[in-house]
Every structure is written in structure tokens, then in C-alpha cells.
Amino acid sequence: MKTKRLDIKISTLVLLLIFTLIGSKALAQDQFVIIANADVPVESIDKSTIKRIYNGFTTQWKNSTKVKPCYMQIQNDAFWKYMGTTKTNFNKFWTKRVFSGNGVSPVEHGSSAALVKYVSEISGAIGILRIEDQKLAEGNCKILQKTN
């Protein structure tokens, strides 16, 4: 009888551990970091400034360096929710701006490594990186913000 109860307790603990691990991985996928080139003259950034940058309304840093935003080709729903739009609407918005001569759309990268390379090498660059890839940016770029 005691062995059966012990088996049930162990099974319950194993299930709790599995659900905890799955939940923490899902939570991590909803997080990202804002990184910038070392010459960007800010040490942190707020959400409204990020939105203005990615919508093309803020085009220069305070030292007159041109802002060069980029992002990952594949972003999850949390990123688009943070930005207050969908990928489809974001692309439509930028298609209209580009074809009307009112801006250059943010650069899209297919991998975290490519995004970090771009941000670390391009003056004025800012990027949005998945939290699990933050180590790629450390030492190469400034970390301006972590979302949660």
C-alpha cells in the first residue's frame, strides 16, 4: 500500500516538473531583448521609443546618427503584440511607406546570428532578439531592454 502511494506521489512530482519546464520554455519564447550597436548614444530604451523607431517616426539618435532598425524574420505573437500590430499589418504599413518615398523599412534577418552581426557592425543599428539568443549579443552589442 505504501509503495503504491509513493509511486503516485513520484508520478505527480514528475508531471509537475514536466509542466513547469514546458511553462518556463513557453514563457521564455514570449521574451526578447532590444540590442543596439555600441555607438548608439542611449543605455536603455522605452516601449514608445521602440515603436516610433520601428514605425519609422524616429529616424535619428540624439547624436544625429541614423537609426537602422532590424528584426528577426520569424517573430512570435508576443513580439507583434508588444509592437501593437500583426506581421501582416506591419508589412502593409512599410510597403505603403516605402513606395510613397516615406522611409526605408527595418531590415529583416533570417537568424539571430545574422541579426547580431548586423547590429554589431552597423552604426546606429538596433535590433529585436529572442531572449534565448541574448548570449550572442553580449560583448558585441548594448542590451537596451529586456521584455517580460
N, C-alpha and C. Protein backbone atom coordinates (compact mmCIF):
# COMPACT_ATOMS: atom_id res chain seq x y z
N MET A 1 0.81 -1.19 0.00
CA MET A 1 0.00 0.00 0.00
C MET A 1 0.87 1.27 0.00
N LYS A 2 1.91 1.26 0.87
CA LYS A 2 2.79 2.42 0.94
C LYS A 2 3.55 2.59 -0.37
N THR A 3 3.92 1.52 -1.02
CA THR A 3 4.63 1.58 -2.29
C THR A 3 3.76 2.21 -3.37
N LYS A 4 2.48 1.87 -3.37
CA LYS A 4 1.56 2.44 -4.35
C LYS A 4 1.41 3.94 -4.15
N ARG A 5 1.30 4.39 -2.88
CA ARG A 5 1.19 5.81 -2.58
C ARG A 5 2.47 6.55 -2.98
N LEU A 6 3.60 5.91 -2.72
CA LEU A 6 4.87 6.51 -3.10
C LEU A 6 4.96 6.64 -4.62
N ASP A 7 4.52 5.63 -5.34
CA ASP A 7 4.52 5.68 -6.81
C ASP A 7 3.64 6.82 -7.32
N ILE A 8 2.49 7.00 -6.70
CA ILE A 8 1.57 8.07 -7.10
C ILE A 8 2.20 9.43 -6.82
N LYS A 9 2.84 9.59 -5.66
CA LYS A 9 3.50 10.86 -5.32
C LYS A 9 4.63 11.16 -6.30
N ILE A 10 5.42 10.16 -6.62
CA ILE A 10 6.53 10.36 -7.56
C ILE A 10 5.99 10.72 -8.93
N SER A 11 4.94 10.03 -9.38
CA SER A 11 4.34 10.33 -10.67
C SER A 11 3.81 11.76 -10.70
N THR A 12 3.19 12.17 -9.61
CA THR A 12 2.66 13.53 -9.53
C THR A 12 3.80 14.55 -9.58
N LEU A 13 4.88 14.31 -8.87
CA LEU A 13 6.03 15.21 -8.90
C LEU A 13 6.66 15.28 -10.28
N VAL A 14 6.76 14.16 -10.95
CA VAL A 14 7.32 14.14 -12.31
C VAL A 14 6.45 14.96 -13.25
N LEU A 15 5.12 14.79 -13.16
CA LEU A 15 4.21 15.57 -14.00
C LEU A 15 4.33 17.07 -13.71
N LEU A 16 4.41 17.43 -12.44
CA LEU A 16 4.57 18.84 -12.07
C LEU A 16 5.87 19.41 -12.64
N LEU A 17 6.93 18.65 -12.57
CA LEU A 17 8.21 19.08 -13.11
C LEU A 17 8.12 19.28 -14.62
N ILE A 18 7.49 18.36 -15.31
CA ILE A 18 7.33 18.46 -16.77
C ILE A 18 6.53 19.70 -17.12
N PHE A 19 5.40 19.92 -16.45
CA PHE A 19 4.58 21.11 -16.73
C PHE A 19 5.33 22.40 -16.42
N THR A 20 6.12 22.40 -15.37
CA THR A 20 6.91 23.58 -15.03
C THR A 20 7.93 23.89 -16.11
N LEU A 21 8.61 22.86 -16.59
CA LEU A 21 9.61 23.05 -17.65
C LEU A 21 8.96 23.53 -18.95
N ILE A 22 7.83 22.95 -19.31
CA ILE A 22 7.13 23.36 -20.52
C ILE A 22 6.67 24.81 -20.38
N GLY A 23 6.13 25.15 -19.23
CA GLY A 23 5.65 26.51 -19.00
C GLY A 23 6.77 27.53 -19.04
N SER A 24 7.92 27.21 -18.47
CA SER A 24 9.03 28.16 -18.48
C SER A 24 9.60 28.34 -19.87
N LYS A 25 9.60 27.28 -20.69
CA LYS A 25 10.06 27.42 -22.07
C LYS A 25 9.10 28.29 -22.87
N ALA A 26 7.80 28.12 -22.68
CA ALA A 26 6.81 28.94 -23.36
C ALA A 26 6.95 30.40 -22.93
N LEU A 27 7.21 30.62 -21.64
CA LEU A 27 7.38 31.97 -21.14
C LEU A 27 8.62 32.61 -21.76
N ALA A 28 9.71 31.86 -21.85
CA ALA A 28 10.94 32.40 -22.44
C ALA A 28 10.73 32.78 -23.90
N GLN A 29 9.89 32.03 -24.62
CA GLN A 29 9.65 32.34 -26.01
C GLN A 29 8.88 33.65 -26.18
N ASP A 30 8.22 34.12 -25.13
CA ASP A 30 7.48 35.38 -25.18
C ASP A 30 8.37 36.57 -24.81
N GLN A 31 9.63 36.31 -24.52
CA GLN A 31 10.53 37.38 -24.11
C GLN A 31 11.57 37.65 -25.18
N PHE A 32 12.03 38.88 -25.22
CA PHE A 32 13.07 39.25 -26.16
C PHE A 32 13.88 40.40 -25.58
N VAL A 33 15.00 40.69 -26.23
CA VAL A 33 15.85 41.79 -25.80
C VAL A 33 16.01 42.77 -26.95
N ILE A 34 16.15 44.02 -26.60
CA ILE A 34 16.42 45.06 -27.58
C ILE A 34 17.92 45.31 -27.50
N ILE A 35 18.60 45.13 -28.63
CA ILE A 35 20.05 45.32 -28.66
C ILE A 35 20.38 46.48 -29.60
N ALA A 36 21.55 47.07 -29.40
CA ALA A 36 21.96 48.19 -30.24
C ALA A 36 23.46 48.16 -30.46
N ASN A 37 23.88 48.82 -31.52
CA ASN A 37 25.29 49.00 -31.82
C ASN A 37 25.93 49.78 -30.68
N ALA A 38 27.19 49.54 -30.44
CA ALA A 38 27.91 50.18 -29.34
C ALA A 38 27.91 51.70 -29.44
N ASP A 39 27.78 52.26 -30.64
CA ASP A 39 27.82 53.72 -30.78
C ASP A 39 26.48 54.41 -30.54
N VAL A 40 25.43 53.65 -30.33
CA VAL A 40 24.11 54.24 -30.06
C VAL A 40 24.19 54.97 -28.72
N PRO A 41 23.79 56.25 -28.69
CA PRO A 41 24.01 57.08 -27.50
C PRO A 41 22.96 56.94 -26.40
N VAL A 42 22.41 55.76 -26.22
CA VAL A 42 21.47 55.52 -25.12
C VAL A 42 21.87 54.22 -24.43
N GLU A 43 21.52 54.12 -23.15
CA GLU A 43 21.83 52.92 -22.39
C GLU A 43 20.58 52.09 -22.10
N SER A 44 19.42 52.69 -22.31
CA SER A 44 18.14 51.98 -22.16
C SER A 44 17.15 52.63 -23.11
N ILE A 45 16.01 51.96 -23.27
CA ILE A 45 15.02 52.46 -24.22
C ILE A 45 13.63 52.04 -23.75
N ASP A 46 12.63 52.88 -23.96
CA ASP A 46 11.28 52.53 -23.54
C ASP A 46 10.46 52.03 -24.74
N LYS A 47 9.33 51.45 -24.42
CA LYS A 47 8.47 50.83 -25.43
C LYS A 47 7.99 51.84 -26.48
N SER A 48 7.63 53.04 -26.06
CA SER A 48 7.12 54.01 -27.03
C SER A 48 8.21 54.43 -28.02
N THR A 49 9.45 54.54 -27.56
CA THR A 49 10.55 54.87 -28.47
C THR A 49 10.80 53.73 -29.44
N ILE A 50 10.73 52.50 -28.96
CA ILE A 50 10.90 51.33 -29.84
C ILE A 50 9.84 51.34 -30.93
N LYS A 51 8.59 51.60 -30.54
CA LYS A 51 7.51 51.65 -31.53
C LYS A 51 7.74 52.77 -32.55
N ARG A 52 8.18 53.94 -32.09
CA ARG A 52 8.44 55.05 -33.01
C ARG A 52 9.57 54.70 -33.98
N ILE A 53 10.58 54.00 -33.49
CA ILE A 53 11.69 53.59 -34.36
C ILE A 53 11.19 52.60 -35.40
N TYR A 54 10.48 51.58 -34.98
CA TYR A 54 10.05 50.52 -35.90
C TYR A 54 8.91 50.96 -36.81
N ASN A 55 8.27 52.07 -36.48
CA ASN A 55 7.25 52.63 -37.38
C ASN A 55 7.80 53.77 -38.23
N GLY A 56 9.12 54.02 -38.11
CA GLY A 56 9.77 54.99 -38.97
C GLY A 56 9.61 56.45 -38.57
N PHE A 57 9.11 56.71 -37.37
CA PHE A 57 8.89 58.08 -36.94
C PHE A 57 10.10 58.66 -36.22
N THR A 58 10.94 57.82 -35.65
CA THR A 58 12.21 58.25 -35.08
C THR A 58 13.29 57.71 -36.01
N THR A 59 14.00 58.62 -36.66
CA THR A 59 14.97 58.20 -37.69
C THR A 59 16.41 58.54 -37.34
N GLN A 60 16.61 59.30 -36.26
CA GLN A 60 17.97 59.64 -35.84
C GLN A 60 18.10 59.52 -34.34
N TRP A 61 19.31 59.11 -33.90
CA TRP A 61 19.62 59.10 -32.49
C TRP A 61 19.95 60.54 -32.09
N LYS A 62 20.06 60.81 -30.81
CA LYS A 62 20.32 62.18 -30.35
C LYS A 62 21.69 62.71 -30.78
N ASN A 63 22.60 61.82 -31.23
CA ASN A 63 23.90 62.28 -31.74
C ASN A 63 23.88 62.43 -33.27
N SER A 64 22.68 62.42 -33.85
CA SER A 64 22.44 62.58 -35.29
C SER A 64 22.79 61.35 -36.14
N THR A 65 23.20 60.25 -35.51
CA THR A 65 23.42 59.01 -36.24
C THR A 65 22.08 58.48 -36.71
N LYS A 66 22.02 58.00 -37.93
CA LYS A 66 20.78 57.46 -38.47
C LYS A 66 20.40 56.15 -37.75
N VAL A 67 19.14 56.03 -37.36
CA VAL A 67 18.63 54.81 -36.73
C VAL A 67 18.43 53.76 -37.82
N LYS A 68 18.95 52.56 -37.59
CA LYS A 68 18.83 51.47 -38.57
C LYS A 68 18.25 50.24 -37.87
N PRO A 69 16.90 50.17 -37.83
CA PRO A 69 16.26 49.06 -37.13
C PRO A 69 16.28 47.75 -37.93
N CYS A 70 16.31 46.65 -37.20
CA CYS A 70 16.21 45.33 -37.83
C CYS A 70 15.46 44.40 -36.88
N TYR A 71 15.01 43.29 -37.43
CA TYR A 71 14.27 42.32 -36.62
C TYR A 71 14.42 40.93 -37.22
N MET A 72 13.98 39.94 -36.47
CA MET A 72 14.04 38.55 -36.93
C MET A 72 12.91 38.26 -37.89
N GLN A 73 13.20 37.50 -38.91
CA GLN A 73 12.20 37.11 -39.90
C GLN A 73 11.03 36.39 -39.23
N ILE A 74 11.34 35.54 -38.29
CA ILE A 74 10.30 34.79 -37.59
C ILE A 74 10.19 35.34 -36.17
N GLN A 75 9.14 36.08 -35.92
CA GLN A 75 8.87 36.58 -34.57
C GLN A 75 7.58 35.93 -34.09
N ASN A 76 7.51 35.69 -32.80
CA ASN A 76 6.29 35.07 -32.27
C ASN A 76 5.21 36.12 -31.99
N ASP A 77 4.05 35.64 -31.64
CA ASP A 77 2.91 36.53 -31.41
C ASP A 77 3.18 37.56 -30.31
N ALA A 78 4.00 37.19 -29.32
CA ALA A 78 4.29 38.13 -28.23
C ALA A 78 4.99 39.38 -28.75
N PHE A 79 5.89 39.20 -29.72
CA PHE A 79 6.59 40.34 -30.30
C PHE A 79 5.60 41.28 -30.99
N TRP A 80 4.72 40.72 -31.80
CA TRP A 80 3.76 41.56 -32.55
C TRP A 80 2.77 42.21 -31.59
N LYS A 81 2.40 41.51 -30.53
CA LYS A 81 1.51 42.09 -29.51
C LYS A 81 2.23 43.27 -28.83
N TYR A 82 3.50 43.09 -28.52
CA TYR A 82 4.30 44.16 -27.91
C TYR A 82 4.33 45.37 -28.83
N MET A 83 4.45 45.13 -30.12
CA MET A 83 4.51 46.22 -31.09
C MET A 83 3.12 46.80 -31.39
N GLY A 84 2.06 46.14 -30.95
CA GLY A 84 0.71 46.63 -31.16
C GLY A 84 0.20 46.43 -32.57
N THR A 85 0.68 45.39 -33.24
CA THR A 85 0.28 45.13 -34.62
C THR A 85 0.42 43.64 -34.92
N THR A 86 0.22 43.29 -36.17
CA THR A 86 0.49 41.93 -36.65
C THR A 86 1.58 42.03 -37.70
N LYS A 87 2.18 40.91 -38.03
CA LYS A 87 3.22 40.93 -39.06
C LYS A 87 2.64 41.39 -40.39
N THR A 88 1.44 40.95 -40.71
CA THR A 88 0.78 41.34 -41.96
C THR A 88 0.58 42.85 -42.01
N ASN A 89 0.05 43.44 -40.94
CA ASN A 89 -0.17 44.89 -40.90
C ASN A 89 1.14 45.66 -40.91
N PHE A 90 2.15 45.15 -40.23
CA PHE A 90 3.46 45.77 -40.22
C PHE A 90 4.01 45.82 -41.65
N ASN A 91 3.93 44.70 -42.36
CA ASN A 91 4.42 44.65 -43.75
C ASN A 91 3.61 45.57 -44.67
N LYS A 92 2.30 45.63 -44.50
CA LYS A 92 1.46 46.54 -45.31
C LYS A 92 1.85 47.99 -45.05
N PHE A 93 2.02 48.33 -43.78
CA PHE A 93 2.40 49.68 -43.38
C PHE A 93 3.70 50.08 -44.08
N TRP A 94 4.72 49.20 -44.00
CA TRP A 94 6.01 49.52 -44.60
C TRP A 94 5.99 49.51 -46.12
N THR A 95 5.19 48.67 -46.72
CA THR A 95 5.07 48.67 -48.18
C THR A 95 4.55 50.03 -48.65
N LYS A 96 3.53 50.55 -47.98
CA LYS A 96 2.99 51.86 -48.33
C LYS A 96 4.03 52.96 -48.13
N ARG A 97 4.73 52.94 -47.00
CA ARG A 97 5.74 53.98 -46.71
C ARG A 97 6.87 53.95 -47.73
N VAL A 98 7.36 52.75 -48.05
CA VAL A 98 8.49 52.64 -48.98
C VAL A 98 8.09 53.12 -50.37
N PHE A 99 6.93 52.64 -50.85
CA PHE A 99 6.52 53.01 -52.21
C PHE A 99 6.07 54.46 -52.34
N SER A 100 5.75 55.10 -51.21
CA SER A 100 5.41 56.53 -51.27
C SER A 100 6.65 57.40 -51.01
N GLY A 101 7.80 56.76 -50.82
CA GLY A 101 9.03 57.50 -50.60
C GLY A 101 9.19 58.06 -49.20
N ASN A 102 8.46 57.49 -48.25
CA ASN A 102 8.48 58.00 -46.88
C ASN A 102 9.25 57.14 -45.89
N GLY A 103 10.23 56.44 -46.36
CA GLY A 103 11.03 55.67 -45.41
C GLY A 103 11.66 54.43 -46.00
N VAL A 104 12.52 53.83 -45.20
CA VAL A 104 13.18 52.57 -45.53
C VAL A 104 12.77 51.59 -44.44
N SER A 105 12.22 50.46 -44.83
CA SER A 105 11.71 49.51 -43.83
C SER A 105 12.85 48.89 -43.02
N PRO A 106 12.55 48.46 -41.80
CA PRO A 106 13.55 47.77 -41.00
C PRO A 106 14.08 46.54 -41.74
N VAL A 107 15.34 46.25 -41.53
CA VAL A 107 15.99 45.11 -42.18
C VAL A 107 15.55 43.82 -41.48
N GLU A 108 15.17 42.85 -42.27
CA GLU A 108 14.72 41.57 -41.74
C GLU A 108 15.85 40.55 -41.87
N HIS A 109 16.12 39.81 -40.79
CA HIS A 109 17.19 38.80 -40.78
C HIS A 109 16.60 37.41 -40.53
N GLY A 110 17.22 36.42 -41.13
CA GLY A 110 16.74 35.04 -41.03
C GLY A 110 17.27 34.28 -39.84
N SER A 111 18.26 34.83 -39.14
CA SER A 111 18.80 34.12 -37.98
C SER A 111 19.25 35.13 -36.92
N SER A 112 19.32 34.66 -35.70
CA SER A 112 19.79 35.51 -34.60
C SER A 112 21.23 35.93 -34.83
N ALA A 113 22.05 35.01 -35.32
CA ALA A 113 23.46 35.32 -35.57
C ALA A 113 23.60 36.45 -36.60
N ALA A 114 22.80 36.39 -37.66
CA ALA A 114 22.84 37.44 -38.69
C ALA A 114 22.39 38.78 -38.13
N LEU A 115 21.36 38.76 -37.29
CA LEU A 115 20.88 40.00 -36.68
C LEU A 115 21.94 40.61 -35.78
N VAL A 116 22.57 39.80 -34.94
CA VAL A 116 23.61 40.29 -34.03
C VAL A 116 24.80 40.83 -34.83
N LYS A 117 25.18 40.14 -35.88
CA LYS A 117 26.29 40.58 -36.73
C LYS A 117 25.98 41.96 -37.32
N TYR A 118 24.77 42.12 -37.85
CA TYR A 118 24.35 43.40 -38.43
C TYR A 118 24.40 44.51 -37.38
N VAL A 119 23.78 44.27 -36.23
CA VAL A 119 23.72 45.30 -35.18
C VAL A 119 25.12 45.65 -34.68
N SER A 120 25.98 44.66 -34.54
CA SER A 120 27.32 44.94 -34.02
C SER A 120 28.19 45.70 -35.03
N GLU A 121 27.91 45.55 -36.32
CA GLU A 121 28.76 46.16 -37.35
C GLU A 121 28.22 47.47 -37.93
N ILE A 122 26.93 47.72 -37.83
CA ILE A 122 26.31 48.87 -38.49
C ILE A 122 26.05 50.00 -37.48
N SER A 123 26.66 51.13 -37.72
CA SER A 123 26.48 52.28 -36.85
C SER A 123 25.00 52.68 -36.79
N GLY A 124 24.49 52.88 -35.57
CA GLY A 124 23.10 53.29 -35.38
C GLY A 124 22.09 52.15 -35.38
N ALA A 125 22.57 50.92 -35.56
CA ALA A 125 21.64 49.78 -35.66
C ALA A 125 21.02 49.42 -34.31
N ILE A 126 19.77 48.97 -34.39
CA ILE A 126 19.02 48.49 -33.23
C ILE A 126 18.27 47.25 -33.69
N GLY A 127 18.19 46.24 -32.82
CA GLY A 127 17.52 45.00 -33.21
C GLY A 127 16.73 44.38 -32.08
N ILE A 128 15.83 43.52 -32.46
CA ILE A 128 15.00 42.79 -31.50
C ILE A 128 15.38 41.33 -31.61
N LEU A 129 15.85 40.77 -30.50
CA LEU A 129 16.43 39.44 -30.47
C LEU A 129 15.69 38.56 -29.46
N ARG A 130 15.50 37.30 -29.78
CA ARG A 130 14.89 36.38 -28.81
C ARG A 130 15.76 36.29 -27.57
N ILE A 131 15.12 36.22 -26.42
CA ILE A 131 15.83 36.20 -25.14
C ILE A 131 16.80 35.03 -25.05
N GLU A 132 16.44 33.90 -25.63
CA GLU A 132 17.32 32.73 -25.54
C GLU A 132 18.60 32.90 -26.36
N ASP A 133 18.65 33.92 -27.21
CA ASP A 133 19.85 34.19 -28.01
C ASP A 133 20.63 35.39 -27.51
N GLN A 134 20.29 35.88 -26.34
CA GLN A 134 20.94 37.07 -25.78
C GLN A 134 22.46 36.90 -25.68
N LYS A 135 22.94 35.71 -25.35
CA LYS A 135 24.38 35.49 -25.20
C LYS A 135 25.14 35.83 -26.47
N LEU A 136 24.50 35.69 -27.64
CA LEU A 136 25.15 36.04 -28.90
C LEU A 136 25.50 37.53 -28.95
N ALA A 137 24.67 38.34 -28.30
CA ALA A 137 24.85 39.80 -28.35
C ALA A 137 25.79 40.32 -27.26
N GLU A 138 25.88 39.61 -26.16
CA GLU A 138 26.69 40.07 -25.04
C GLU A 138 28.15 40.22 -25.47
N GLY A 139 28.70 41.41 -25.20
CA GLY A 139 30.08 41.69 -25.58
C GLY A 139 30.20 42.26 -26.98
N ASN A 140 29.15 42.12 -27.79
CA ASN A 140 29.17 42.63 -29.16
C ASN A 140 28.25 43.84 -29.34
N CYS A 141 27.20 43.90 -28.54
CA CYS A 141 26.17 44.94 -28.67
C CYS A 141 25.75 45.41 -27.28
N LYS A 142 25.10 46.55 -27.23
CA LYS A 142 24.48 47.01 -26.00
C LYS A 142 23.14 46.30 -25.83
N ILE A 143 22.80 45.95 -24.62
CA ILE A 143 21.48 45.43 -24.30
C ILE A 143 20.70 46.62 -23.73
N LEU A 144 19.69 47.08 -24.48
CA LEU A 144 18.94 48.28 -24.06
C LEU A 144 17.72 47.95 -23.22
N GLN A 145 17.11 46.80 -23.50
CA GLN A 145 15.89 46.45 -22.76
C GLN A 145 15.64 44.96 -22.86
N LYS A 146 15.13 44.39 -21.77
CA LYS A 146 14.63 43.03 -21.77
C LYS A 146 13.14 43.11 -21.51
N THR A 147 12.37 42.39 -22.30
CA THR A 147 10.92 42.39 -22.07
C THR A 147 10.57 41.21 -21.19
N ASN A 148 9.41 41.26 -20.59
CA ASN A 148 8.91 40.12 -19.82
C ASN A 148 7.42 40.15 -19.76
